[in-house]
Amino acid sequence: MPVVLGVAFGVSFLVPATPAAAHNELTGSNPRDGARVASAPARVELRFLAKPSPTTTKITITGPDNVVAGGTPAFDGSRVRVPFKPAAAGLYIVGYQLASSDGHPVKGEVRFTLTTGTAADPSASPSAAASAGPTGSPSAVGVPSAGPASATPGSSTASTVPAASEQSDSGGRWWIWALGGLLLLAALATGLVFRRRRGAQ
C-alpha cells in the first residue's frame, strides 16, 4: 500500500510538468533587457527555453524614430541571433513572437539603450541648419546689434524726465513743511499759555 501511494504521488508531480515543458519562453538576451551599451554589438542574441521554429518565429529590431535596425535571424538550437545595424544613439526595442509546441503564442520585447552615436533630434530642421554660422549657432546677419550706438534721442530725453519731475516736486513741497512747522509752533505756544493760566488760578 505505501508503494502504491508513493507511485501515485510521484505521477501527480509529473503530469502537470508536461504542458509546462511544451510552453516556450525567453530565458536571456545579449544585450540584456534594460542594458546601456557604449559599443554597438554586431548582433542581438535571444535565448529561449525550447528550440523555436524558424517558420513561426518573428523578430524585429527598431531604433529611434522607428528605424529598422535588424536583419534576417539565424537559428542555432534554442538561440536566435539577429544582425544589428544601429542608426543613432537612443533606445532600441527587440520584439519577438513565436509559437510553442503546445500552440500557445509567446511574444515580448527586450529594450536596451545605445549611448554612442548621433542622437536623433526631431526639433532640428534643414532651414535652421542652413542659417547656422561656422560655430553651429544661428547667423546674426540682418539682426541689428544692441550696442551703445542704438540709443535714440527720444530714449535719452525720456531718461531725464523723471529727474526733472523729482526736482519740481521737491521744490513745490517746501511750503508744506513750513506750514507744518508754523502749526507746530502755534500749538506749543497755545499749550504754554494754557498752562500758565491754570498755574495762575
Protein backbone atom coordinates (compact mmCIF):
# COMPACT_ATOMS: atom_id res chain seq x y z
CA MET A 1 0.00 0.00 0.00
CA PRO A 2 2.74 2.60 0.80
CA VAL A 3 4.41 1.75 -2.50
CA VAL A 4 1.19 2.47 -4.44
CA LEU A 5 0.74 5.79 -2.66
CA GLY A 6 4.32 6.77 -3.43
CA VAL A 7 3.90 6.00 -7.12
CA ALA A 8 0.64 7.97 -7.29
CA PHE A 9 2.24 10.92 -5.52
CA GLY A 10 5.14 10.95 -7.99
CA VAL A 11 2.81 10.77 -11.01
CA SER A 12 0.84 13.76 -9.69
CA PHE A 13 4.02 15.86 -9.99
CA LEU A 14 4.93 14.57 -13.44
CA VAL A 15 1.55 15.11 -15.11
CA PRO A 16 1.38 18.96 -14.87
CA ALA A 17 5.03 19.22 -15.92
CA THR A 18 4.28 18.03 -19.45
CA PRO A 19 2.36 21.10 -20.67
CA ALA A 20 4.79 23.41 -18.86
CA ALA A 21 7.74 21.88 -20.71
CA ALA A 22 5.91 22.43 -24.00
CA HIS A 23 5.44 26.14 -23.28
CA ASN A 24 8.39 28.14 -24.64
CA GLU A 25 9.70 31.37 -23.10
CA LEU A 26 12.64 33.79 -23.21
CA THR A 27 15.44 32.88 -20.78
CA GLY A 28 18.02 35.58 -21.61
CA SER A 29 19.40 38.01 -24.17
CA ASN A 30 22.54 39.83 -25.22
CA PRO A 31 22.38 42.75 -24.64
CA ARG A 32 20.22 42.09 -21.62
CA ASP A 33 16.90 43.81 -21.09
CA GLY A 34 17.39 47.37 -19.77
CA ALA A 35 21.14 47.46 -20.52
CA ARG A 36 23.05 50.60 -21.56
CA VAL A 37 25.82 49.78 -24.06
CA ALA A 38 28.51 52.14 -25.35
CA SER A 39 29.66 49.91 -28.24
CA ALA A 40 27.07 48.61 -30.67
CA PRO A 41 27.12 44.78 -30.86
CA ALA A 42 27.37 43.10 -34.25
CA ARG A 43 24.27 41.05 -33.47
CA VAL A 44 21.49 40.69 -30.90
CA GLU A 45 21.01 37.24 -29.37
CA LEU A 46 17.84 35.86 -27.80
CA ARG A 47 17.86 32.63 -25.76
CA PHE A 48 14.70 30.57 -25.32
CA LEU A 49 13.69 27.64 -23.11
CA ALA A 50 12.98 25.44 -26.12
CA LYS A 51 14.11 25.44 -29.74
CA PRO A 52 11.99 27.95 -31.69
CA SER A 53 10.70 27.14 -35.14
CA PRO A 54 12.10 29.35 -37.94
CA THR A 55 8.77 29.24 -39.75
CA THR A 56 6.73 30.61 -36.81
CA THR A 57 9.29 32.94 -35.24
CA LYS A 58 9.35 36.65 -35.98
CA ILE A 59 11.98 39.01 -34.54
CA THR A 60 12.24 42.75 -35.24
CA ILE A 61 14.62 45.45 -34.02
CA THR A 62 13.57 49.11 -34.14
CA GLY A 63 15.58 52.11 -33.06
CA PRO A 64 14.97 55.86 -32.62
CA ASP A 65 12.30 57.29 -34.92
CA ASN A 66 11.12 53.68 -35.61
CA VAL A 67 14.16 52.95 -37.79
CA VAL A 68 14.53 49.23 -38.57
CA ALA A 69 17.88 48.09 -37.21
CA GLY A 70 17.71 44.30 -37.67
CA GLY A 71 18.27 41.73 -40.39
CA THR A 72 17.40 38.10 -41.10
CA PRO A 73 17.55 35.98 -37.91
CA ALA A 74 19.84 32.93 -37.68
CA PHE A 75 18.67 29.94 -35.61
CA ASP A 76 21.06 27.82 -33.54
CA GLY A 77 19.17 25.41 -31.30
CA SER A 78 17.38 27.49 -28.64
CA ARG A 79 19.34 30.62 -29.61
CA VAL A 80 18.36 33.18 -32.25
CA ARG A 81 20.84 35.79 -33.49
CA VAL A 82 19.79 38.87 -35.46
CA PRO A 83 22.28 41.20 -37.22
CA PHE A 84 22.29 44.62 -35.58
CA LYS A 85 22.54 47.74 -37.74
CA PRO A 86 22.44 50.78 -35.43
CA ALA A 87 21.35 54.13 -36.84
CA ALA A 88 21.84 56.51 -33.91
CA ALA A 89 22.21 56.67 -30.17
CA GLY A 90 18.99 56.01 -28.28
CA LEU A 91 16.53 53.30 -27.27
CA TYR A 92 16.32 50.05 -29.27
CA ILE A 93 13.46 47.58 -28.93
CA VAL A 94 13.83 43.91 -29.87
CA GLY A 95 10.38 42.43 -30.39
CA TYR A 96 9.85 38.67 -30.67
CA GLN A 97 6.87 36.48 -31.46
CA LEU A 98 6.87 32.68 -31.73
CA ALA A 99 4.65 29.67 -31.17
CA SER A 100 5.24 26.98 -28.54
CA SER A 101 4.84 23.31 -29.31
CA ASP A 102 1.58 23.39 -27.34
CA GLY A 103 0.24 26.05 -29.73
CA HIS A 104 0.42 28.85 -27.18
CA PRO A 105 1.78 32.08 -28.76
CA VAL A 106 4.73 33.71 -27.00
CA LYS A 107 5.54 37.36 -27.56
CA GLY A 108 7.50 40.05 -25.77
CA GLU A 109 10.32 42.54 -26.16
CA VAL A 110 13.82 43.37 -24.93
CA ARG A 111 14.89 47.01 -24.56
CA PHE A 112 18.41 48.40 -24.42
CA THR A 113 19.98 51.83 -24.93
CA LEU A 114 22.90 52.62 -27.22
CA THR A 115 24.77 55.54 -25.64
CA THR A 116 27.11 56.33 -28.55
CA GLY A 117 26.36 57.68 -31.99
CA THR A 118 24.49 60.70 -33.26
CA ALA A 119 21.34 61.19 -31.24
CA ALA A 120 18.22 61.87 -33.28
CA ASP A 121 16.97 65.47 -32.92
CA PRO A 122 13.41 65.79 -34.30
CA SER A 123 13.33 69.53 -33.49
CA ALA A 124 16.15 70.30 -35.92
CA SER A 125 15.07 71.44 -39.40
CA PRO A 126 17.06 71.93 -42.64
CA SER A 127 16.31 75.67 -42.66
CA ALA A 128 17.70 76.09 -39.13
CA ALA A 129 20.82 74.12 -40.08
CA ALA A 130 21.32 76.26 -43.21
CA SER A 131 21.14 79.50 -41.21
CA ALA A 132 23.69 78.30 -38.67
CA GLY A 133 27.05 80.03 -38.59
CA PRO A 134 30.50 78.42 -38.66
CA THR A 135 30.30 77.51 -34.97
CA GLY A 136 26.85 75.96 -35.26
CA SER A 137 24.95 78.97 -33.84
CA PRO A 138 22.31 80.81 -35.89
CA SER A 139 23.75 83.56 -38.09
CA ALA A 140 23.28 87.13 -36.92
CA VAL A 141 23.01 88.57 -40.46
CA GLY A 142 20.18 91.11 -40.71
CA VAL A 143 19.73 91.32 -36.92
CA PRO A 144 20.52 94.82 -35.52
CA SER A 145 23.04 94.90 -32.72
CA ALA A 146 22.07 96.17 -29.28
CA GLY A 147 25.26 98.25 -28.77
CA PRO A 148 25.56 101.75 -27.30
CA ALA A 149 25.05 103.39 -30.76
CA SER A 150 21.48 102.01 -30.87
CA ALA A 151 20.28 104.63 -28.38
CA THR A 152 17.95 107.23 -29.88
CA PRO A 153 17.42 110.89 -28.87
CA GLY A 154 13.95 110.03 -27.68
CA SER A 155 15.31 107.47 -25.22
CA SER A 156 17.81 109.95 -23.68
CA THR A 157 15.04 112.57 -23.28
CA ALA A 158 12.82 110.03 -21.58
CA SER A 159 15.61 109.17 -19.12
CA THR A 160 15.89 112.83 -17.97
CA VAL A 161 12.16 113.37 -17.41
CA PRO A 162 11.96 111.62 -14.01
CA ALA A 163 14.86 113.76 -12.63
CA ALA A 164 13.12 117.00 -13.64
CA SER A 165 9.87 115.77 -12.18
CA GLU A 166 11.55 114.94 -8.87
CA GLN A 167 13.09 118.44 -8.67
CA SER A 168 9.78 120.19 -9.29
CA ASP A 169 8.05 118.02 -6.72
CA SER A 170 10.69 118.66 -4.05
CA GLY A 171 10.64 122.40 -4.77
CA GLY A 172 6.86 122.57 -4.51
CA ARG A 173 6.71 120.77 -1.17
CA TRP A 174 8.82 123.24 0.86
CA TRP A 175 5.83 125.40 1.81
CA ILE A 176 4.04 122.33 3.19
CA TRP A 177 6.91 121.74 5.60
CA ALA A 178 6.95 125.46 6.51
CA LEU A 179 3.22 125.47 7.22
CA GLY A 180 3.59 122.34 9.32
CA GLY A 181 6.33 123.98 11.36
CA LEU A 182 4.21 127.08 11.97
CA LEU A 183 1.28 124.99 13.10
CA LEU A 184 3.53 123.06 15.47
CA LEU A 185 4.89 126.29 16.98
CA ALA A 186 1.38 127.68 17.36
CA ALA A 187 0.30 124.51 19.17
CA LEU A 188 3.26 124.73 21.54
CA ALA A 189 2.58 128.41 22.27
CA THR A 190 -1.08 127.67 22.94
CA GLY A 191 -0.09 124.91 25.33
CA LEU A 192 2.25 127.17 27.27
CA VAL A 193 -0.36 129.90 27.59
CA PHE A 194 -2.94 127.41 28.80
CA ARG A 195 -0.58 126.01 31.42
CA ARG A 196 0.29 129.50 32.71
CA ARG A 197 -3.39 130.39 33.08
CA ARG A 198 -4.06 127.19 35.02
CA GLY A 199 -1.00 127.91 37.23
CA ALA A 200 -2.22 131.45 37.90
CA GLN A 201 -5.59 130.15 39.03
